Amino acid sequence: MKKVKITQIRSGIGRPQDQKDTLKSLGLRKMNHSVEVDMDNPCQAGMVKKVAHLLKIEEI
């Protein structure tokens, strides 16, 4: 099981609504908030890829 720690490093303000919704569905609430995501799930992997420019991604 591959897990990664994602941290929101850029704001969702001024971004398209679908990117804001993606951040919310990943569990990210505000700047510098971190969550662990299971990358074996293709749905979550796609969401991380969609907003990768707003995130810092670290392997655990």
N, C-alpha and C. Protein backbone atom coordinates (compact mmCIF):
# COMPACT_ATOMS: atom_id res chain seq x y z
N MET A 1 0.85 -1.18 0.00
CA MET A 1 0.00 0.00 0.00
C MET A 1 0.90 1.24 0.00
N LYS A 2 0.79 2.05 -1.02
CA LYS A 2 1.61 3.25 -1.15
C LYS A 2 0.86 4.44 -0.57
N LYS A 3 1.47 5.09 0.41
CA LYS A 3 0.85 6.26 1.01
C LYS A 3 1.74 7.47 0.78
N VAL A 4 1.12 8.61 0.62
CA VAL A 4 1.85 9.86 0.49
C VAL A 4 1.24 10.88 1.44
N LYS A 5 2.07 11.80 1.87
CA LYS A 5 1.62 12.92 2.70
C LYS A 5 1.54 14.13 1.79
N ILE A 6 0.35 14.73 1.71
CA ILE A 6 0.18 15.91 0.87
C ILE A 6 -0.09 17.11 1.76
N THR A 7 0.53 18.21 1.43
CA THR A 7 0.39 19.46 2.16
C THR A 7 0.00 20.54 1.18
N GLN A 8 -1.03 21.30 1.51
CA GLN A 8 -1.45 22.40 0.65
C GLN A 8 -0.50 23.57 0.88
N ILE A 9 0.20 23.99 -0.18
CA ILE A 9 1.17 25.08 -0.05
C ILE A 9 0.72 26.33 -0.80
N ARG A 10 -0.31 26.20 -1.63
CA ARG A 10 -0.85 27.37 -2.34
C ARG A 10 -2.35 27.46 -2.12
N SER A 11 -2.86 28.66 -2.18
CA SER A 11 -4.26 28.90 -1.88
C SER A 11 -5.17 28.47 -3.02
N GLY A 12 -6.39 28.14 -2.67
CA GLY A 12 -7.40 27.81 -3.65
C GLY A 12 -8.16 29.04 -4.14
N ILE A 13 -7.87 30.20 -3.56
CA ILE A 13 -8.54 31.43 -3.96
C ILE A 13 -8.16 31.77 -5.40
N GLY A 14 -9.14 32.09 -6.20
CA GLY A 14 -8.90 32.44 -7.60
C GLY A 14 -8.76 31.24 -8.51
N ARG A 15 -8.92 30.04 -7.98
CA ARG A 15 -8.82 28.82 -8.78
C ARG A 15 -10.22 28.43 -9.28
N PRO A 16 -10.31 27.63 -10.32
CA PRO A 16 -11.61 27.15 -10.79
C PRO A 16 -12.32 26.34 -9.69
N GLN A 17 -13.63 26.32 -9.75
CA GLN A 17 -14.42 25.66 -8.70
C GLN A 17 -14.11 24.17 -8.60
N ASP A 18 -13.80 23.51 -9.73
CA ASP A 18 -13.51 22.08 -9.66
C ASP A 18 -12.23 21.80 -8.89
N GLN A 19 -11.24 22.71 -8.96
CA GLN A 19 -10.02 22.54 -8.17
C GLN A 19 -10.29 22.77 -6.69
N LYS A 20 -11.13 23.74 -6.37
CA LYS A 20 -11.50 23.98 -4.98
C LYS A 20 -12.22 22.76 -4.41
N ASP A 21 -13.12 22.19 -5.19
CA ASP A 21 -13.85 21.00 -4.76
C ASP A 21 -12.92 19.81 -4.56
N THR A 22 -11.91 19.69 -5.41
CA THR A 22 -10.95 18.60 -5.29
C THR A 22 -10.15 18.72 -4.01
N LEU A 23 -9.70 19.94 -3.68
CA LEU A 23 -8.97 20.15 -2.42
C LEU A 23 -9.83 19.76 -1.23
N LYS A 24 -11.09 20.15 -1.29
CA LYS A 24 -12.02 19.83 -0.19
C LYS A 24 -12.23 18.33 -0.06
N SER A 25 -12.36 17.64 -1.20
CA SER A 25 -12.60 16.20 -1.16
C SER A 25 -11.37 15.42 -0.70
N LEU A 26 -10.18 15.99 -0.88
CA LEU A 26 -8.97 15.36 -0.37
C LEU A 26 -8.82 15.56 1.14
N GLY A 27 -9.61 16.45 1.71
CA GLY A 27 -9.55 16.69 3.15
C GLY A 27 -8.69 17.86 3.54
N LEU A 28 -8.27 18.65 2.55
CA LEU A 28 -7.43 19.82 2.83
C LEU A 28 -8.33 21.02 3.09
N ARG A 29 -8.13 21.67 4.23
CA ARG A 29 -9.02 22.75 4.63
C ARG A 29 -8.39 24.12 4.50
N LYS A 30 -7.08 24.22 4.72
CA LYS A 30 -6.43 25.53 4.69
C LYS A 30 -4.96 25.36 4.35
N MET A 31 -4.27 26.46 4.23
CA MET A 31 -2.85 26.46 3.89
C MET A 31 -2.06 25.70 4.96
N ASN A 32 -1.03 24.97 4.53
CA ASN A 32 -0.12 24.20 5.38
C ASN A 32 -0.82 23.08 6.15
N HIS A 33 -2.02 22.70 5.73
CA HIS A 33 -2.70 21.55 6.32
C HIS A 33 -2.26 20.30 5.57
N SER A 34 -1.97 19.22 6.32
CA SER A 34 -1.47 17.99 5.71
C SER A 34 -2.42 16.83 5.97
N VAL A 35 -2.50 15.92 5.01
CA VAL A 35 -3.25 14.68 5.15
C VAL A 35 -2.45 13.55 4.49
N GLU A 36 -2.72 12.31 4.93
CA GLU A 36 -2.11 11.14 4.30
C GLU A 36 -3.13 10.53 3.35
N VAL A 37 -2.69 10.23 2.14
CA VAL A 37 -3.58 9.71 1.10
C VAL A 37 -3.01 8.39 0.59
N ASP A 38 -3.89 7.42 0.40
CA ASP A 38 -3.53 6.12 -0.16
C ASP A 38 -3.52 6.23 -1.68
N MET A 39 -2.36 6.08 -2.29
CA MET A 39 -2.23 6.26 -3.73
C MET A 39 -2.57 5.00 -4.53
N ASP A 40 -2.93 3.89 -3.86
CA ASP A 40 -3.35 2.69 -4.58
C ASP A 40 -4.72 2.89 -5.22
N ASN A 41 -5.49 3.80 -4.68
CA ASN A 41 -6.82 4.09 -5.22
C ASN A 41 -6.67 5.03 -6.41
N PRO A 42 -7.03 4.63 -7.62
CA PRO A 42 -6.84 5.49 -8.79
C PRO A 42 -7.63 6.79 -8.72
N CYS A 43 -8.76 6.78 -8.02
CA CYS A 43 -9.56 7.99 -7.89
C CYS A 43 -8.79 9.06 -7.11
N GLN A 44 -8.20 8.68 -5.98
CA GLN A 44 -7.45 9.65 -5.18
C GLN A 44 -6.16 10.06 -5.88
N ALA A 45 -5.53 9.14 -6.59
CA ALA A 45 -4.32 9.47 -7.33
C ALA A 45 -4.62 10.52 -8.40
N GLY A 46 -5.78 10.41 -9.06
CA GLY A 46 -6.17 11.38 -10.07
C GLY A 46 -6.46 12.74 -9.47
N MET A 47 -7.08 12.76 -8.28
CA MET A 47 -7.37 14.03 -7.62
C MET A 47 -6.07 14.74 -7.23
N VAL A 48 -5.10 13.98 -6.73
CA VAL A 48 -3.81 14.57 -6.36
C VAL A 48 -3.12 15.14 -7.59
N LYS A 49 -3.18 14.42 -8.70
CA LYS A 49 -2.55 14.88 -9.94
C LYS A 49 -3.20 16.15 -10.46
N LYS A 50 -4.53 16.26 -10.28
CA LYS A 50 -5.28 17.41 -10.79
C LYS A 50 -4.87 18.71 -10.12
N VAL A 51 -4.54 18.66 -8.83
CA VAL A 51 -4.19 19.88 -8.09
C VAL A 51 -2.74 19.83 -7.58
N ALA A 52 -1.89 19.09 -8.27
CA ALA A 52 -0.50 18.91 -7.84
C ALA A 52 0.25 20.24 -7.77
N HIS A 53 -0.16 21.23 -8.56
CA HIS A 53 0.52 22.53 -8.56
C HIS A 53 0.22 23.32 -7.29
N LEU A 54 -0.75 22.87 -6.49
CA LEU A 54 -1.10 23.53 -5.23
C LEU A 54 -0.57 22.77 -4.02
N LEU A 55 0.07 21.63 -4.25
CA LEU A 55 0.45 20.73 -3.17
C LEU A 55 1.94 20.46 -3.10
N LYS A 56 2.38 20.03 -1.92
CA LYS A 56 3.71 19.45 -1.74
C LYS A 56 3.46 17.99 -1.42
N ILE A 57 4.08 17.09 -2.18
CA ILE A 57 3.82 15.66 -2.06
C ILE A 57 5.07 14.96 -1.55
N GLU A 58 4.94 14.19 -0.43
CA GLU A 58 6.05 13.47 0.16
C GLU A 58 5.65 12.01 0.33
N GLU A 59 6.55 11.09 -0.04
CA GLU A 59 6.27 9.68 0.16
C GLU A 59 6.52 9.31 1.62
N ILE A 60 5.69 8.40 2.12
CA ILE A 60 5.85 7.95 3.51
C ILE A 60 6.46 6.56 3.51
